[in-house]
N, C-alpha and C. Protein backbone atom coordinates (compact mmCIF):
# COMPACT_ATOMS: atom_id res chain seq x y z
N MET A 1 1.89 -9.13 -17.87
CA MET A 1 2.17 -9.86 -16.40
C MET A 1 2.11 -10.04 -15.69
N ALA A 2 0.55 -10.33 -15.33
CA ALA A 2 -0.95 -11.54 -14.77
C ALA A 2 -0.25 -12.76 -15.46
N GLU A 3 -0.05 -13.21 -16.28
CA GLU A 3 -0.02 -14.36 -16.54
C GLU A 3 1.39 -14.84 -16.06
N ALA A 4 2.51 -14.30 -16.31
CA ALA A 4 3.71 -14.34 -16.36
C ALA A 4 3.87 -14.79 -14.42
N ARG A 5 2.71 -14.06 -13.33
CA ARG A 5 2.27 -14.68 -11.94
C ARG A 5 1.72 -15.81 -11.73
N ILE A 6 1.02 -16.12 -12.82
CA ILE A 6 0.14 -16.80 -12.81
C ILE A 6 1.09 -18.81 -13.23
N ARG A 7 2.37 -18.17 -14.17
CA ARG A 7 3.01 -19.74 -14.62
C ARG A 7 4.01 -19.29 -13.50
N ALA A 8 4.90 -18.42 -12.55
CA ALA A 8 5.83 -18.21 -11.68
C ALA A 8 5.07 -19.02 -10.14
N CYS A 9 4.02 -18.40 -9.95
CA CYS A 9 2.75 -19.26 -9.07
C CYS A 9 2.72 -20.37 -9.05
N GLY A 10 2.44 -21.50 -10.66
CA GLY A 10 1.91 -22.48 -9.87
C GLY A 10 0.32 -22.52 -10.39
N GLY A 11 -0.32 -21.35 -11.01
CA GLY A 11 -1.95 -21.47 -10.41
C GLY A 11 -2.77 -19.94 -9.90
N THR A 12 -3.10 -19.65 -9.83
CA THR A 12 -3.90 -18.45 -9.71
C THR A 12 -3.37 -17.27 -8.45
N PRO A 13 -2.88 -16.91 -8.28
CA PRO A 13 -2.30 -16.41 -6.68
C PRO A 13 -3.51 -15.81 -6.45
N ALA A 14 -3.96 -16.23 -4.56
CA ALA A 14 -5.06 -15.32 -3.81
C ALA A 14 -4.94 -15.21 -2.22
N ALA A 15 -5.64 -14.64 -2.00
CA ALA A 15 -5.70 -14.03 -0.51
C ALA A 15 -7.18 -13.84 0.41
N SER A 16 -7.04 -14.09 1.44
CA SER A 16 -8.38 -14.59 1.57
C SER A 16 -8.20 -12.90 2.71
N HIS A 17 -9.65 -12.91 3.32
CA HIS A 17 -10.01 -11.21 3.82
C HIS A 17 -8.94 -11.10 4.73
N SER A 18 -8.34 -12.10 5.74
CA SER A 18 -7.41 -12.07 6.45
C SER A 18 -5.89 -11.64 6.38
N PHE A 19 -6.11 -11.26 5.32
CA PHE A 19 -4.36 -10.86 4.45
C PHE A 19 -3.83 -10.08 4.78
N THR A 20 -4.62 -9.01 5.22
CA THR A 20 -4.09 -7.51 5.52
C THR A 20 -5.10 -6.97 6.56
N ARG A 21 -3.95 -6.35 7.50
CA ARG A 21 -5.18 -6.27 9.08
C ARG A 21 -3.87 -4.56 8.93
N TYR A 22 -4.72 -3.81 9.41
CA TYR A 22 -4.46 -2.08 9.46
C TYR A 22 -4.89 -1.84 11.62
N LEU A 23 -3.67 -1.07 11.58
CA LEU A 23 -3.54 -0.61 12.92
C LEU A 23 -3.36 1.15 12.76
N THR A 24 -4.81 2.23 12.93
CA THR A 24 -3.54 3.14 13.38
C THR A 24 -3.35 4.52 14.51
N ARG A 25 -2.86 5.26 15.15
CA ARG A 25 -2.54 5.86 15.55
C ARG A 25 -1.95 6.61 14.97
N GLY A 26 -3.01 8.61 15.13
CA GLY A 26 -2.51 9.46 14.99
C GLY A 26 -2.05 9.12 14.04
N ARG A 27 -0.85 9.77 13.44
CA ARG A 27 -0.77 9.37 12.37
C ARG A 27 0.39 8.09 11.92
N VAL A 28 0.63 7.93 13.02
CA VAL A 28 0.68 6.90 12.98
C VAL A 28 0.44 5.23 12.14
N GLN A 29 0.45 4.94 11.14
CA GLN A 29 -0.12 4.05 10.46
C GLN A 29 0.22 2.33 9.93
N LEU A 30 0.52 1.32 10.85
CA LEU A 30 0.68 -0.28 10.52
C LEU A 30 -0.46 -0.28 9.47
N ILE A 31 0.40 -0.94 8.79
CA ILE A 31 -0.40 -2.21 7.79
C ILE A 31 1.03 -3.81 8.58
N GLY A 32 -0.21 -4.66 8.21
CA GLY A 32 0.57 -6.32 8.74
C GLY A 32 0.32 -6.80 7.59
N LEU A 33 0.49 -7.90 7.09
CA LEU A 33 0.01 -8.92 5.98
C LEU A 33 0.73 -9.86 6.49
N HIS A 34 -0.16 -11.04 6.31
CA HIS A 34 -0.12 -12.03 7.51
C HIS A 34 -0.31 -12.89 5.97
N TYR A 35 1.20 -13.68 5.57
CA TYR A 35 0.95 -14.51 4.25
C TYR A 35 0.85 -16.11 4.83
N GLU A 36 0.06 -16.90 5.92
CA GLU A 36 -0.68 -17.75 6.10
C GLU A 36 -1.98 -17.43 5.47
N HIS A 37 -2.08 -16.24 4.94
CA HIS A 37 -3.97 -16.19 4.71
C HIS A 37 -3.10 -15.93 2.50
N ALA A 38 -2.19 -16.27 2.31
CA ALA A 38 -1.80 -15.88 0.71
C ALA A 38 -1.89 -17.69 0.26
N ARG A 39 -2.56 -17.84 -0.80
CA ARG A 39 -2.45 -18.90 -1.48
C ARG A 39 -1.28 -18.51 -2.71
N CYS A 40 -1.43 -19.63 -3.37
CA CYS A 40 -0.52 -19.61 -4.79
C CYS A 40 -0.94 -21.30 -5.17
N GLY A 41 -1.72 -21.77 -6.14
CA GLY A 41 -1.25 -22.43 -6.74
C GLY A 41 -2.66 -23.36 -6.24
N GLY A 42 -3.13 -22.61 -4.76
CA GLY A 42 -4.14 -23.66 -4.15
C GLY A 42 -3.59 -24.04 -2.48
N GLN A 43 -1.65 -23.45 -3.13
CA GLN A 43 -1.19 -24.29 -1.66
C GLN A 43 -0.58 -22.82 -0.47
N PRO A 44 -0.31 -23.32 0.83
CA PRO A 44 0.56 -21.75 1.59
C PRO A 44 2.19 -21.80 1.12
N VAL A 45 2.38 -21.52 0.12
CA VAL A 45 3.97 -20.90 0.00
C VAL A 45 4.78 -20.40 0.92
N PHE A 46 4.84 -19.54 1.70
CA PHE A 46 5.23 -18.39 2.12
C PHE A 46 5.57 -19.09 3.48
N CYS A 47 5.59 -20.27 4.19
CA CYS A 47 5.67 -20.87 5.41
C CYS A 47 6.76 -22.15 5.43
N ASN A 48 7.13 -22.13 6.51
CA ASN A 48 8.40 -22.92 7.30
C ASN A 48 8.43 -23.09 8.58
N ALA A 49 9.52 -24.04 8.74
CA ALA A 49 9.34 -24.96 10.20
C ALA A 49 9.08 -23.64 11.18
N SER A 50 8.97 -21.95 11.11
CA SER A 50 9.35 -21.37 12.74
C SER A 50 8.14 -20.65 12.11
N GLY A 51 6.93 -21.16 11.31
CA GLY A 51 5.86 -20.43 10.63
C GLY A 51 5.96 -19.65 9.83
N CYS A 52 4.60 -18.87 8.80
CA CYS A 52 4.43 -18.38 8.03
C CYS A 52 5.05 -16.68 7.80
N LEU A 53 5.13 -16.47 6.74
CA LEU A 53 6.10 -14.76 6.43
C LEU A 53 4.49 -14.12 7.41
N HIS A 54 5.17 -12.88 7.95
CA HIS A 54 4.24 -11.28 8.01
C HIS A 54 5.36 -10.69 8.08
N GLN A 55 4.68 -9.07 7.56
CA GLN A 55 5.73 -8.16 7.19
C GLN A 55 4.73 -7.20 8.22
N ILE A 56 4.86 -6.28 8.29
CA ILE A 56 4.69 -5.36 9.07
C ILE A 56 4.99 -3.50 8.12
N TYR A 57 4.39 -2.79 7.67
CA TYR A 57 5.04 -1.67 7.12
C TYR A 57 4.25 -0.68 7.67
N VAL A 58 5.23 0.41 7.63
CA VAL A 58 4.79 1.92 8.54
C VAL A 58 5.14 3.35 7.32
N SER A 59 4.32 3.84 7.83
CA SER A 59 4.21 5.59 7.21
C SER A 59 3.18 6.66 8.85
N THR A 60 4.26 7.52 8.40
CA THR A 60 3.72 8.78 9.19
C THR A 60 3.21 9.90 8.51
N GLY A 61 2.84 9.66 7.63
CA GLY A 61 1.93 10.91 6.77
C GLY A 61 2.20 10.83 5.16
N GLY A 62 3.64 9.49 4.87
CA GLY A 62 3.65 9.47 3.67
C GLY A 62 3.73 8.52 2.87
N ARG A 63 5.38 7.93 2.54
CA ARG A 63 5.07 6.67 1.80
C ARG A 63 4.93 5.19 3.16
N PHE A 64 5.04 4.22 2.86
CA PHE A 64 5.00 3.08 3.56
C PHE A 64 6.00 2.67 2.87
N ARG A 65 6.27 2.01 4.11
CA ARG A 65 8.54 1.53 4.50
C ARG A 65 8.06 0.04 5.39
N LEU A 66 8.85 -0.62 4.66
CA LEU A 66 8.76 -2.21 5.59
C LEU A 66 9.73 -2.02 7.24
N LEU A 67 9.10 -2.05 7.81
CA LEU A 67 9.36 -2.13 9.27
C LEU A 67 9.87 -3.55 9.50
N GLN A 68 9.34 -4.53 8.99
CA GLN A 68 9.22 -5.39 9.56
C GLN A 68 9.41 -6.66 8.78
N SER A 69 10.63 -8.09 8.76
CA SER A 69 9.78 -8.63 7.67
C SER A 69 9.92 -10.05 8.46
N LEU A 70 9.01 -11.65 9.38
CA LEU A 70 10.16 -12.23 10.11
C LEU A 70 8.65 -13.33 9.35
N TYR A 71 9.35 -14.51 9.90
CA TYR A 71 8.29 -15.63 9.72
C TYR A 71 8.55 -15.95 11.12
N VAL A 72 7.31 -16.02 12.06
CA VAL A 72 6.69 -16.41 12.88
C VAL A 72 4.90 -16.79 12.86
N PRO A 73 5.08 -18.18 13.94
CA PRO A 73 3.74 -18.95 14.11
C PRO A 73 2.44 -17.61 13.60
N GLU A 74 2.56 -16.45 14.62
CA GLU A 74 1.22 -15.51 14.37
C GLU A 74 1.50 -14.63 14.54
N LEU A 75 1.13 -13.04 14.15
CA LEU A 75 1.55 -11.69 14.58
C LEU A 75 0.31 -10.66 14.45
N ASP A 76 0.32 -10.37 16.19
CA ASP A 76 -0.73 -9.01 15.85
C ASP A 76 -0.74 -8.08 16.13
N LEU A 77 -0.71 -6.98 15.30
CA LEU A 77 -1.28 -5.22 15.42
C LEU A 77 -1.89 -5.31 16.90
N THR A 78 -1.41 -4.42 17.90
CA THR A 78 -2.59 -4.41 19.02
C THR A 78 -1.34 -3.18 19.46
N GLU A 79 -2.22 -2.06 20.34
CA GLU A 79 -1.53 -0.75 20.89
C GLU A 79 -1.35 -1.48 22.24
N VAL A 80 0.08 -1.22 23.16
CA VAL A 80 0.32 -1.21 23.74
C VAL A 80 0.30 0.21 24.82
N ARG A 81 -0.07 -0.54 26.17
CA ARG A 81 0.14 1.78 26.80
C ARG A 81 1.28 1.15 28.21
N PHE A 82 1.94 2.06 28.65
CA PHE A 82 2.85 1.06 29.87
C PHE A 82 2.03 2.65 30.22
N THR A 83 2.09 2.04 31.77
CA THR A 83 1.69 3.00 32.94
C THR A 83 3.03 2.79 33.90
N LYS A 84 2.83 4.55 33.66
CA LYS A 84 4.54 4.22 35.44
C LYS A 84 3.40 3.20 36.89
N PRO A 85 4.22 2.63 37.67
CA PRO A 85 4.41 1.83 39.03
C PRO A 85 3.92 3.08 40.01
């Protein structure tokens, strides 16, 4: 299986430590995948004119499911608190 991935990629697939980012608040867990930090044969292959692929997965105690998949320049997982005026 690994050989098939290397052939499809044109080299060894790799990702830096910044590829995955996490945010947990109570039972809600988010995982953000930042594909600008992934390389295929040494080249970024998950980017286009709109930006790089970013995916957000969510879990509320069970399995993770894809929440959003989009091409943007950057994506941060942060907690936003709203207060009443």
